[in-house]
């Protein structure tokens, strides 16, 4: 085979398996990519190495084509990955000149291919899906190829595999899509192989192509036999929609008892959001539990010696107990060596009686789950709580719940605040008084006033929790389409308390936030004895005198 013919063949392979949507992609001129490939893979100047590269690419191409064109490719082919040049990364000690060069190099990469992934799909027509009894069509095999670009949106396309299927006849169309950047500046009209390495996984093993070697000592293309365990872990289903992995199976009995799913484990009408909320909540709390020490038997300092093998959970304002049931079920299954005690507290006696009945009907695994009628102030819970939950506790009830968790020495506190009315009162008065305040033109709009009240209140709560000895995060825990009250505050008790200097710094920052927004009082600050501003005589406020009793 002459060099010209081989180049033409290689051009077809590149279009076939790699640059499906680029019309004239050449190898990146990025300096870090100049290993040997440069702008053309056959310009290395080393005849023996050039010959080895040609043979390696030819071998790799033939193996992919042979598998995809076989009678039953789904029984052999798993996936392929083609990797191009990586974007350069900044380092801490990099000079400004080098940073500028790096940014220019990254700009030159924009729109060029970073990686290509391919897998097989089994797709059915809409008619066969709706009419499965009448139409016995098992579907058709497609090759799904996903191109990942530098600084551009990924592009995916499915190609049907049939007897006369030849990708070179399908992908040479002038109308083939590109990235949103179109023709990249500096592209060559002569297509080359724009990748440094590639691999194809089959049921027998993995074919690997490595074009970064500087000599012919190592094999550029080799086959590695795959162990069965590794093979199973890398295997992907042929379905277009890959099944999602849930921390809790939707078919669990308690979901059905609570009316979230039906007998087939499918969410009922208007209950999909609730199921998703339960899943996301448990996923978040599970990470907090794993990062803390409460799951390690005997390591929880909150417990007495007789209770070291117990995880205690309290849900304040639990309502119907969707999250209480979910978390209890997860902890019971996850930590079989520990006893799980969960308590739900709510003011509605009939509702508590109903959910208690459901818990008893669910059997032994829910023996440790109990619901009780009461308020946050009078809930009779023993000290040594591991996890305190309070989702959507209205206005200052969230402050009461946080304070309760701190006083009970809870290791983890999880809240989703609701209805920030207390701070809104101060913002209204502040805008009226301070006509020259920089926030005047913002706070005169009610919608912004409401949002700022939420942001400021939760920011102050986060600072107060840090003063109390917790590491805090504030984030959106579920999409706004499911609930508008979707901000979550998580706090994990530190193993070592903060120094006095650190606490003083937090108090100073807390007072700066309060002063900027004209806030003189905040419920959690009052309960913790923290004074806002210079109002020393309000330290013993009505919240201390007439609010929640001391524990």
Protein backbone atom coordinates (compact mmCIF):
# COMPACT_ATOMS: atom_id res chain seq x y z
CA UNK A 1 0.00 0.00 0.00
CA UNK A 2 1.40 3.39 -1.01
CA UNK A 3 1.53 6.27 1.40
CA UNK A 4 -1.12 8.16 -0.56
CA UNK A 5 -3.58 5.27 -0.54
CA UNK A 6 -3.01 4.62 3.15
CA UNK A 7 -3.61 8.28 3.92
CA UNK A 8 -6.90 8.17 1.97
CA UNK A 9 -7.93 5.07 3.89
CA UNK A 10 -7.05 6.70 7.16
CA UNK A 11 -9.04 9.76 6.25
CA UNK A 12 -12.11 7.56 5.91
CA UNK A 13 -11.50 5.93 9.28
CA UNK A 14 -11.17 9.29 10.96
CA UNK A 15 -14.49 10.40 9.54
CA UNK A 16 -15.93 6.98 10.36
CA UNK A 17 -15.06 6.71 14.03
CA UNK A 18 -13.91 10.06 15.24
CA UNK A 19 -14.73 13.40 13.66
CA UNK A 20 -18.28 12.56 12.68
CA UNK A 21 -19.38 16.14 12.47
CA UNK A 22 -16.22 18.12 11.66
CA UNK A 23 -15.62 18.93 8.03
CA UNK A 24 -11.96 19.76 8.15
CA UNK A 25 -10.48 18.89 11.56
CA UNK A 26 -6.71 18.73 11.75
CA UNK A 27 -4.61 17.76 14.70
CA UNK A 28 -4.42 20.53 17.25
CA UNK A 29 -1.55 22.99 16.96
CA UNK A 30 -1.50 23.20 20.76
CA UNK A 31 2.16 23.09 21.95
CA UNK A 32 1.49 20.37 24.51
CA UNK A 33 0.13 18.22 21.71
CA UNK A 34 3.36 18.28 19.73
CA UNK A 35 4.54 14.91 20.91
CA UNK A 36 5.34 13.64 17.45
CA UNK A 37 2.02 13.95 15.76
CA UNK A 38 2.23 17.69 15.10
CA UNK A 39 -0.18 18.60 12.34
CA UNK A 40 0.09 15.26 10.59
CA UNK A 41 0.63 11.89 12.16
CA UNK A 42 3.07 10.74 9.49
CA UNK A 43 5.45 13.67 9.77
CA UNK A 44 7.63 12.27 12.54
CA UNK A 45 10.75 11.97 10.40
CA UNK A 46 11.54 8.55 11.86
CA UNK A 47 10.85 5.97 9.12
CA UNK A 48 10.72 2.97 11.46
CA UNK A 49 8.45 4.76 13.94
CA UNK A 50 6.27 6.03 11.09
CA UNK A 51 5.89 2.51 9.77
CA UNK A 52 5.01 1.22 13.25
CA UNK A 53 2.37 3.95 13.63
CA UNK A 54 0.81 3.09 10.30
CA UNK A 55 0.67 -0.59 11.20
CA UNK A 56 -0.79 0.14 14.65
CA UNK A 57 -3.52 2.40 13.32
CA UNK A 58 -4.29 -0.04 10.53
CA UNK A 59 -4.61 -2.86 13.06
CA UNK A 60 -6.83 -0.85 15.39
CA UNK A 61 -9.07 0.25 12.49
CA UNK A 62 -9.46 -3.28 11.20
CA UNK A 63 -10.41 -4.61 14.65
CA UNK A 64 -13.15 -1.98 15.11
CA UNK A 65 -14.52 -2.54 11.61
CA UNK A 66 -14.49 -6.32 12.04
CA UNK A 67 -16.49 -6.17 15.27
CA UNK A 68 -19.04 -3.60 14.09
CA UNK A 69 -19.60 -5.39 10.77
CA UNK A 70 -19.99 -8.86 12.31
CA UNK A 71 -23.34 -10.68 12.39
CA UNK A 72 -24.02 -10.02 16.06
CA UNK A 73 -21.88 -7.05 17.17
CA UNK A 74 -23.90 -6.73 20.39
CA UNK A 75 -22.44 -10.07 21.52
CA UNK A 76 -18.86 -8.85 21.09
CA UNK A 77 -18.65 -5.06 21.21
CA UNK A 78 -18.85 -3.09 24.46
CA UNK A 79 -17.54 0.42 23.78
CA UNK A 80 -14.73 2.46 22.30
CA UNK A 81 -13.02 5.65 23.46
CA UNK A 82 -10.73 7.88 21.40
CA UNK A 83 -8.76 10.50 23.34
CA UNK A 84 -7.31 13.68 21.93
CA UNK A 85 -5.07 16.27 23.50
CA UNK A 86 -5.98 17.50 26.98
CA UNK A 87 -6.41 21.16 27.79
CA UNK A 88 -3.45 22.64 29.71
CA UNK A 89 -4.02 23.40 33.38
CA UNK A 90 -2.91 26.22 35.60
CA UNK A 91 -0.50 25.66 38.47
CA UNK A 92 -0.16 27.63 41.68
CA UNK A 93 3.32 29.00 40.95
CA UNK A 94 2.70 29.80 37.29
CA UNK A 95 3.87 33.24 36.19
CA UNK A 96 1.52 35.77 34.60
CA UNK A 97 3.29 35.34 31.26
CA UNK A 98 2.79 31.59 31.31
CA UNK A 99 -0.83 32.04 32.38
CA UNK A 100 -1.41 34.30 29.39
CA UNK A 101 0.21 31.73 27.09
CA UNK A 102 -1.91 28.99 28.63
CA UNK A 103 -5.12 30.92 28.02
CA UNK A 104 -4.08 31.47 24.41
CA UNK A 105 -3.39 27.75 24.02
CA UNK A 106 -6.81 26.91 25.47
CA UNK A 107 -8.40 29.38 23.09
CA UNK A 108 -6.69 27.64 20.17
CA UNK A 109 -8.23 24.37 21.34
CA UNK A 110 -11.79 25.70 21.27
CA UNK A 111 -14.00 23.57 19.06
CA UNK A 112 -11.44 20.81 18.61
CA UNK A 113 -12.20 17.25 19.59
CA UNK A 114 -11.23 16.21 23.10
CA UNK A 115 -12.72 12.72 23.25
CA UNK A 116 -15.05 10.43 21.34
CA UNK A 117 -17.09 7.66 22.96
CA UNK A 118 -19.11 4.97 21.24
CA UNK A 119 -21.51 2.27 22.35
CA UNK A 120 -24.30 0.16 20.88
CA UNK A 121 -27.99 0.87 21.37
CA UNK A 122 -31.08 -1.23 20.72
CA UNK A 123 -33.83 1.14 19.64
CA UNK A 124 -37.47 0.37 18.89
CA UNK A 125 -39.88 2.39 16.82
CA UNK A 126 -42.66 4.28 18.61
CA UNK A 127 -45.20 1.94 16.99
CA UNK A 128 -43.55 -1.19 18.36
CA UNK A 129 -43.26 0.31 21.83
CA UNK A 130 -46.96 1.21 21.97
CA UNK A 131 -48.13 -1.98 20.26
CA UNK A 132 -45.85 -4.64 21.73
CA UNK A 133 -48.45 -7.42 21.42
CA UNK A 134 -49.20 -6.86 17.75
CA UNK A 135 -45.70 -5.86 16.66
CA UNK A 136 -42.98 -8.30 17.62
CA UNK A 137 -40.20 -6.07 16.31
CA UNK A 138 -37.20 -6.44 18.62
CA UNK A 139 -35.72 -3.17 17.41
CA UNK A 140 -32.58 -2.24 15.50
CA UNK A 141 -28.97 -1.87 16.53
CA UNK A 142 -27.44 1.59 16.40
CA UNK A 143 -23.96 2.88 17.10
CA UNK A 144 -24.23 5.90 19.39
CA UNK A 145 -21.22 8.17 19.08
CA UNK A 146 -20.65 11.10 21.43
CA UNK A 147 -18.07 13.72 20.50
CA UNK A 148 -16.72 15.90 23.32
CA UNK A 149 -15.10 19.15 22.24
CA UNK A 150 -12.88 21.69 23.94
CA UNK A 151 -15.06 24.65 24.91
CA UNK A 152 -18.10 23.43 22.99
CA UNK A 153 -21.25 21.40 23.52
CA UNK A 154 -21.06 17.62 23.16
CA UNK A 155 -22.58 16.20 19.99
CA UNK A 156 -24.23 12.76 19.87
CA UNK A 157 -25.70 10.87 16.93
CA UNK A 158 -27.01 7.35 16.36
CA UNK A 159 -26.11 5.34 13.24
CA UNK A 160 -28.12 2.29 12.27
CA UNK A 161 -26.17 -0.95 11.77
CA UNK A 162 -27.42 -3.10 8.89
CA UNK A 163 -26.04 -5.64 6.36
CA UNK A 164 -24.82 -3.06 3.85
CA UNK A 165 -23.87 -0.50 6.50
CA UNK A 166 -20.63 1.36 5.80
CA UNK A 167 -19.94 4.37 7.95
CA UNK A 168 -17.68 5.91 5.31
CA UNK A 169 -20.71 6.21 2.98
CA UNK A 170 -22.83 7.80 5.71
CA UNK A 171 -20.45 10.28 7.29
CA UNK A 172 -18.91 12.02 4.28
CA UNK A 173 -22.00 14.20 3.79
CA UNK A 174 -21.42 17.92 3.43
CA UNK A 175 -24.37 18.52 5.77
CA UNK A 176 -22.86 16.63 8.71
CA UNK A 177 -23.16 18.82 11.86
CA UNK A 178 -20.19 20.41 13.60
CA UNK A 179 -19.74 21.98 17.00
CA UNK A 180 -21.33 25.40 17.48
CA UNK A 181 -17.96 26.99 16.59
CA UNK A 182 -18.12 25.67 13.04
CA UNK A 183 -14.82 25.54 11.17
CA UNK A 184 -12.07 26.11 13.71
CA UNK A 185 -9.57 28.77 12.73
CA UNK A 186 -6.26 27.32 11.60
CA UNK A 187 -7.70 23.99 10.48
CA UNK A 188 -5.96 22.15 7.71
CA UNK A 189 -7.79 20.99 4.63
CA UNK A 190 -6.09 17.64 5.00
CA UNK A 191 -7.66 15.53 7.77
CA UNK A 192 -5.32 13.59 10.07
CA UNK A 193 -5.78 11.25 13.04
CA UNK A 194 -6.42 13.75 15.87
CA UNK A 195 -5.91 11.42 18.83
CA UNK A 196 -3.11 10.36 21.12
CA UNK A 197 -4.66 7.14 22.35
CA UNK A 198 -7.70 4.91 21.85
CA UNK A 199 -9.26 1.77 23.21
CA UNK A 200 -12.01 -0.62 22.19
CA UNK A 201 -13.56 -2.92 24.78
CA UNK A 202 -14.95 -6.27 23.69
CA UNK A 203 -16.21 -9.30 25.59
CA UNK A 204 -12.82 -10.94 25.14
CA UNK A 205 -10.65 -8.03 26.13
CA UNK A 206 -9.50 -4.54 25.24
CA UNK A 207 -7.67 -3.33 22.14
CA UNK A 208 -5.45 -0.35 23.03
CA UNK A 209 -3.75 2.15 20.71
CA UNK A 210 -0.97 4.35 22.10
CA UNK A 211 0.61 6.95 19.81
CA UNK A 212 2.56 8.80 22.51
CA UNK A 213 5.56 6.48 22.45
CA UNK A 214 8.84 7.90 21.17
CA UNK A 215 10.31 4.61 19.96
CA UNK A 216 9.27 1.26 18.51
CA UNK A 217 10.32 -0.73 21.57
CA UNK A 218 6.78 -0.94 22.98
CA UNK A 219 3.72 -2.13 21.08
CA UNK A 220 1.66 0.75 19.77
CA UNK A 221 -1.41 -1.44 19.36
CA UNK A 222 -2.00 -4.38 21.70
CA UNK A 223 -4.72 -6.64 23.03
CA UNK A 224 -5.26 -7.15 26.77
CA UNK A 225 -7.47 -10.00 27.87
CA UNK A 226 -10.12 -8.82 30.29
CA UNK A 227 -11.00 -10.53 33.54
CA UNK A 228 -14.64 -11.49 33.95
CA UNK A 229 -15.23 -9.18 36.93
CA UNK A 230 -13.82 -6.17 35.08
CA UNK A 231 -15.83 -7.10 32.02
CA UNK A 232 -19.11 -7.13 33.94
CA UNK A 233 -18.38 -3.75 35.55
CA UNK A 234 -17.67 -2.13 32.18
CA UNK A 235 -20.66 -3.64 30.37
CA UNK A 236 -23.47 -1.22 29.60
CA UNK A 237 -27.10 -2.00 28.75
CA UNK A 238 -28.26 -1.66 25.17
CA UNK A 239 -31.27 0.43 26.15
CA UNK A 240 -31.15 4.08 25.15
CA UNK A 241 -32.14 5.23 28.64
CA UNK A 242 -29.67 3.77 31.14
CA UNK A 243 -31.49 2.78 34.37
CA UNK A 244 -30.85 5.22 37.20
CA UNK A 245 -29.30 4.10 40.45
CA UNK A 246 -31.29 5.08 43.54
CA UNK A 247 -30.21 5.07 47.17
CA UNK A 248 -33.72 3.77 47.92
CA UNK A 249 -35.68 1.47 45.64
CA UNK A 250 -39.02 3.06 44.60
CA UNK A 251 -40.63 -0.34 45.16
CA UNK A 252 -39.97 -0.32 48.93
CA UNK A 253 -43.07 -1.06 50.97
CA UNK A 254 -43.07 2.18 52.97
CA UNK A 255 -43.31 4.24 49.75
CA UNK A 256 -46.47 2.31 48.88
CA UNK A 257 -47.91 2.65 52.39
CA UNK A 258 -47.36 6.41 52.31
CA UNK A 259 -49.07 6.67 48.92
CA UNK A 260 -46.01 7.75 46.95
CA UNK A 261 -45.76 4.72 44.65
CA UNK A 262 -48.15 2.02 43.44
CA UNK A 263 -47.79 -1.75 43.82
CA UNK A 264 -45.39 -1.80 40.83
CA UNK A 265 -43.04 0.74 42.38
CA UNK A 266 -44.12 3.51 39.98
CA UNK A 267 -44.76 6.98 41.41
CA UNK A 268 -48.44 7.90 41.63
CA UNK A 269 -49.91 10.93 39.92
CA UNK A 270 -48.39 14.16 41.30
CA UNK A 271 -46.05 12.15 43.57
CA UNK A 272 -42.97 12.05 41.35
CA UNK A 273 -41.58 15.21 42.93
CA UNK A 274 -42.04 13.83 46.44
CA UNK A 275 -40.23 10.61 45.51
CA UNK A 276 -37.37 12.58 43.99
CA UNK A 277 -37.19 14.77 47.08
CA UNK A 278 -36.94 11.72 49.36
CA UNK A 279 -34.19 10.20 47.20
CA UNK A 280 -32.18 13.42 47.08
CA UNK A 281 -32.57 14.04 50.80
CA UNK A 282 -31.30 10.57 51.73
CA UNK A 283 -28.42 10.93 49.26
CA UNK A 284 -27.31 14.17 50.94
CA UNK A 285 -27.63 12.88 54.52
CA UNK A 286 -25.86 9.61 53.62
CA UNK A 287 -22.77 11.58 52.55
CA UNK A 288 -22.85 13.55 55.80
CA UNK A 289 -23.07 10.35 57.83
CA UNK A 290 -20.15 8.81 55.94
CA UNK A 291 -18.01 11.91 56.45
CA UNK A 292 -18.76 12.03 60.20
CA UNK A 293 -17.85 9.48 62.86
CA UNK A 294 -21.35 8.47 63.94
CA UNK A 295 -21.42 5.34 61.77
CA UNK A 296 -18.29 3.97 63.48
CA UNK A 297 -19.41 1.81 66.39
CA UNK A 298 -18.14 3.15 69.68
CA UNK A 299 -16.72 6.34 68.22
CA UNK A 300 -19.63 8.70 68.85
CA UNK A 301 -18.73 10.81 71.85
CA UNK A 302 -22.34 11.97 72.16
CA UNK A 303 -23.45 8.61 73.50
CA UNK A 304 -22.99 6.91 76.81
CA UNK A 305 -21.14 3.59 76.91
CA UNK A 306 -24.42 1.66 76.70
CA UNK A 307 -25.54 3.58 73.61
CA UNK A 308 -22.39 3.52 71.49
CA UNK A 309 -23.98 1.18 68.93
CA UNK A 310 -27.05 3.34 68.27
CA UNK A 311 -27.70 6.03 65.66
CA UNK A 312 -30.34 8.44 66.94
CA UNK A 313 -32.37 10.53 64.48
CA UNK A 314 -34.92 13.24 65.34
CA UNK A 315 -37.18 14.90 62.75
CA UNK A 316 -38.74 18.12 64.05
CA UNK A 317 -42.00 19.04 62.34
CA UNK A 318 -41.99 15.70 60.51
CA UNK A 319 -45.48 15.98 59.03
CA UNK A 320 -46.48 12.71 57.38
CA UNK A 321 -42.94 11.46 57.82
CA UNK A 322 -41.89 10.94 54.21
CA UNK A 323 -38.29 11.90 54.94
CA UNK A 324 -38.31 10.23 58.35
CA UNK A 325 -39.33 6.88 56.86
CA UNK A 326 -36.84 7.28 54.00
CA UNK A 327 -33.83 8.04 56.18
CA UNK A 328 -34.70 5.35 58.74
CA UNK A 329 -35.05 2.73 56.00
CA UNK A 330 -31.71 3.70 54.45
CA UNK A 331 -29.80 3.70 57.76
CA UNK A 332 -31.34 0.38 58.83
CA UNK A 333 -30.25 -1.34 55.62
CA UNK A 334 -26.88 0.40 55.36
CA UNK A 335 -25.68 -0.07 58.95
CA UNK A 336 -26.93 -3.51 59.91
CA UNK A 337 -24.45 -3.66 62.83
CA UNK A 338 -26.02 -0.62 64.49
CA UNK A 339 -29.40 0.00 66.05
CA UNK A 340 -31.36 2.81 64.43
CA UNK A 341 -33.68 4.91 66.62
CA UNK A 342 -35.75 7.52 64.76
CA UNK A 343 -38.23 9.94 66.29
CA UNK A 344 -40.66 12.15 64.41
CA UNK A 345 -42.23 15.11 66.23
CA UNK A 346 -45.31 17.04 65.06
CA UNK A 347 -48.19 18.94 66.69
CA UNK A 348 -51.00 16.99 64.92
CA UNK A 349 -52.03 14.01 67.10
CA UNK A 350 -54.24 12.26 64.53
CA UNK A 351 -51.48 12.38 61.91
CA UNK A 352 -48.93 11.00 64.37
CA UNK A 353 -51.30 8.14 65.18
CA UNK A 354 -51.68 7.32 61.47
CA UNK A 355 -47.95 7.21 60.69
CA UNK A 356 -47.26 5.21 63.86
CA UNK A 357 -49.74 2.61 62.59
CA UNK A 358 -47.96 2.51 59.23
CA UNK A 359 -44.59 2.03 60.95
CA UNK A 360 -45.92 -0.93 62.97
CA UNK A 361 -47.43 -2.52 59.84
CA UNK A 362 -44.05 -2.41 58.09
CA UNK A 363 -42.55 -4.93 60.47
CA UNK A 364 -39.31 -5.41 62.39
CA UNK A 365 -37.15 -3.05 60.36
CA UNK A 366 -39.29 -0.10 61.50
CA UNK A 367 -39.53 -1.05 65.19
CA UNK A 368 -37.05 1.72 65.98
CA UNK A 369 -39.22 4.39 64.29
CA UNK A 370 -41.72 6.22 66.48
CA UNK A 371 -43.77 9.38 66.05
CA UNK A 372 -44.86 11.60 68.94
CA UNK A 373 -47.16 14.55 69.36
CA UNK A 374 -45.46 17.72 70.57
CA UNK A 375 -43.62 20.89 69.70
CA UNK A 376 -39.92 21.61 69.41
CA UNK A 377 -40.05 23.29 72.81
CA UNK A 378 -41.55 20.37 74.75
CA UNK A 379 -40.30 17.34 72.79
CA UNK A 380 -39.03 14.78 75.31
CA UNK A 381 -35.88 13.53 73.57
CA UNK A 382 -32.82 12.25 75.40
CA UNK A 383 -29.48 13.94 74.90
CA UNK A 384 -26.97 12.58 72.42
CA UNK A 385 -28.78 13.07 69.11
CA UNK A 386 -26.81 12.02 66.07
CA UNK A 387 -28.94 13.59 63.34
CA UNK A 388 -31.41 16.48 63.77
CA UNK A 389 -33.74 17.16 60.83
CA UNK A 390 -36.07 20.15 60.36
CA UNK A 391 -37.35 20.67 56.82
CA UNK A 392 -39.68 23.53 55.99
CA UNK A 393 -40.13 24.63 59.61
CA UNK A 394 -41.86 27.99 59.20
CA UNK A 395 -39.99 31.22 59.97
CA UNK A 396 -38.30 31.12 63.41
CA UNK A 397 -39.27 27.47 63.96
CA UNK A 398 -36.13 26.67 61.97
CA UNK A 399 -34.13 28.65 64.54
CA UNK A 400 -35.82 26.70 67.34
CA UNK A 401 -34.91 23.41 65.68
CA UNK A 402 -31.27 24.43 65.11
CA UNK A 403 -30.98 25.59 68.70
CA UNK A 404 -32.50 22.32 69.91
CA UNK A 405 -29.93 20.34 67.88
CA UNK A 406 -27.04 22.41 69.24
CA UNK A 407 -28.20 22.04 72.84
CA UNK A 408 -28.72 18.29 72.37
CA UNK A 409 -25.16 18.04 71.03
CA UNK A 410 -26.32 16.73 67.65
CA UNK A 411 -23.52 15.60 65.34
CA UNK A 412 -25.42 16.47 62.16
CA UNK A 413 -28.07 19.18 61.70
CA UNK A 414 -30.04 19.36 58.44
CA UNK A 415 -32.61 22.10 57.81
CA UNK A 416 -34.52 23.49 54.84
CA UNK A 417 -35.76 26.92 56.03
CA UNK A 418 -39.13 28.37 55.13
CA UNK A 419 -40.93 31.74 55.43
CA UNK A 420 -38.24 34.24 56.52
CA UNK A 421 -40.58 36.76 58.12
CA UNK A 422 -38.55 38.00 61.08
CA UNK A 423 -35.76 39.60 59.06
CA UNK A 424 -38.24 41.00 56.52
CA UNK A 425 -39.63 43.24 59.28
CA UNK A 426 -36.21 44.80 59.85
CA UNK A 427 -35.58 45.27 56.13
CA UNK A 428 -38.85 47.17 55.72
CA UNK A 429 -37.98 49.56 58.55
CA UNK A 430 -34.40 49.92 57.35
CA UNK A 431 -35.43 50.98 53.84
CA UNK A 432 -37.87 53.51 55.23
CA UNK A 433 -35.22 55.13 57.46
CA UNK A 434 -32.06 54.95 55.34
CA UNK A 435 -33.03 56.74 52.13
CA UNK A 436 -29.39 56.87 50.98
CA UNK A 437 -28.67 53.20 51.68
CA UNK A 438 -27.10 51.40 48.67
CA UNK A 439 -29.87 48.79 48.89
CA UNK A 440 -32.72 51.33 48.54
CA UNK A 441 -33.31 50.74 44.84
CA UNK A 442 -33.19 46.97 45.39
CA UNK A 443 -35.32 46.66 48.50
CA UNK A 444 -38.10 48.87 47.14
CA UNK A 445 -39.11 45.84 45.05
CA UNK A 446 -40.97 43.29 47.17
CA UNK A 447 -39.69 40.27 45.26
CA UNK A 448 -36.07 41.28 45.91
CA UNK A 449 -36.88 42.15 49.50
CA UNK A 450 -38.20 38.63 50.01
CA UNK A 451 -35.17 37.02 48.39
CA UNK A 452 -32.71 39.15 50.34
CA UNK A 453 -34.56 38.30 53.56
CA UNK A 454 -34.06 34.60 52.79
CA UNK A 455 -30.41 35.02 51.84
CA UNK A 456 -29.50 37.17 54.84
CA UNK A 457 -31.38 35.01 57.36
CA UNK A 458 -29.76 31.77 56.20
CA UNK A 459 -26.33 33.41 56.00
CA UNK A 460 -26.65 34.52 59.62
CA UNK A 461 -27.78 31.03 60.62
CA UNK A 462 -24.71 29.58 58.91
CA UNK A 463 -22.40 31.97 60.79
CA UNK A 464 -24.11 31.18 64.11
CA UNK A 465 -23.71 27.45 63.51
CA UNK A 466 -20.02 27.98 62.80
CA UNK A 467 -19.69 29.92 66.05
CA UNK A 468 -21.40 26.96 67.79
CA UNK A 469 -18.69 24.59 66.47
CA UNK A 470 -20.06 23.22 63.19
CA UNK A 471 -18.83 23.06 59.62
CA UNK A 472 -21.65 24.44 57.48
CA UNK A 473 -22.80 24.25 53.87
CA UNK A 474 -25.73 26.07 52.24
CA UNK A 475 -26.94 24.86 48.84
CA UNK A 476 -29.95 24.03 46.66
CA UNK A 477 -30.93 20.46 47.44
CA UNK A 478 -33.61 19.93 44.80
CA UNK A 479 -34.77 21.74 41.67
CA UNK A 480 -37.07 24.75 41.96
CA UNK A 481 -39.70 22.98 39.86
CA UNK A 482 -40.33 20.61 42.78
CA UNK A 483 -40.49 23.17 45.59
CA UNK A 484 -39.64 26.87 45.88
CA UNK A 485 -38.26 26.27 49.38
CA UNK A 486 -35.26 24.32 48.16
CA UNK A 487 -32.34 25.80 50.11
CA UNK A 488 -30.72 23.38 52.53
CA UNK A 489 -28.38 24.11 55.45
CA UNK A 490 -26.22 21.22 56.63
CA UNK A 491 -23.99 21.38 59.68
CA UNK A 492 -21.54 18.73 60.91
CA UNK A 493 -20.01 19.08 64.36
CA UNK A 494 -16.25 19.62 64.28
CA UNK A 495 -13.96 17.19 66.04
CA UNK A 496 -11.85 20.14 67.27
CA UNK A 497 -13.52 23.41 68.39
CA UNK A 498 -12.58 26.70 66.77
CA UNK A 499 -10.16 28.97 68.55
CA UNK A 500 -11.37 32.07 70.36
CA UNK A 501 -9.82 34.24 67.64
CA UNK A 502 -11.76 32.37 64.97
CA UNK A 503 -15.00 32.76 66.93
CA UNK A 504 -14.38 36.49 67.37
CA UNK A 505 -13.82 36.85 63.64
CA UNK A 506 -17.11 35.04 62.93
CA UNK A 507 -18.94 37.30 65.42
CA UNK A 508 -17.49 40.39 63.74
CA UNK A 509 -18.66 39.18 60.33
CA UNK A 510 -22.09 38.34 61.77
CA UNK A 511 -22.46 41.87 63.14
CA UNK A 512 -21.37 43.40 59.84
CA UNK A 513 -24.13 41.50 58.01
CA UNK A 514 -26.68 42.56 60.63
CA UNK A 515 -25.61 46.22 60.54
CA UNK A 516 -25.71 46.40 56.74
CA UNK A 517 -29.33 45.24 56.71
CA UNK A 518 -30.51 47.08 59.83
CA UNK A 519 -31.08 43.86 61.80
CA UNK A 520 -31.11 44.23 65.58
CA UNK A 521 -32.56 40.88 66.57
CA UNK A 522 -32.51 37.36 65.17
CA UNK A 523 -34.12 34.39 66.92
CA UNK A 524 -31.20 31.93 66.76
CA UNK A 525 -28.76 34.63 67.84
CA UNK A 526 -30.97 35.40 70.85
CA UNK A 527 -31.26 31.72 71.79
CA UNK A 528 -27.48 31.29 71.62
CA UNK A 529 -26.85 34.49 73.58
CA UNK A 530 -25.17 36.26 70.67
CA UNK A 531 -25.67 40.05 70.62
CA UNK A 532 -26.16 41.78 67.28
CA UNK A 533 -24.81 45.32 66.92
CA UNK A 534 -24.24 47.41 70.03
CA UNK A 535 -27.52 46.62 71.81
CA UNK A 536 -26.09 45.03 74.93
CA UNK A 537 -29.25 45.47 77.00
CA UNK A 538 -31.18 43.19 74.66
CA UNK A 539 -29.00 40.16 75.34
CA UNK A 540 -31.65 38.72 77.64
CA UNK A 541 -34.43 39.13 75.13
CA UNK A 542 -38.02 37.94 75.26
CA UNK A 543 -36.91 34.83 73.40
CA UNK A 544 -34.78 33.85 76.38
CA UNK A 545 -37.27 34.92 79.03
CA UNK A 546 -40.53 33.81 77.46
CA UNK A 547 -39.39 31.52 74.63
CA UNK A 548 -38.13 27.97 74.75
CA UNK A 549 -37.19 26.56 78.16
CA UNK A 550 -33.57 25.73 78.87
CA UNK A 551 -32.56 22.13 78.33
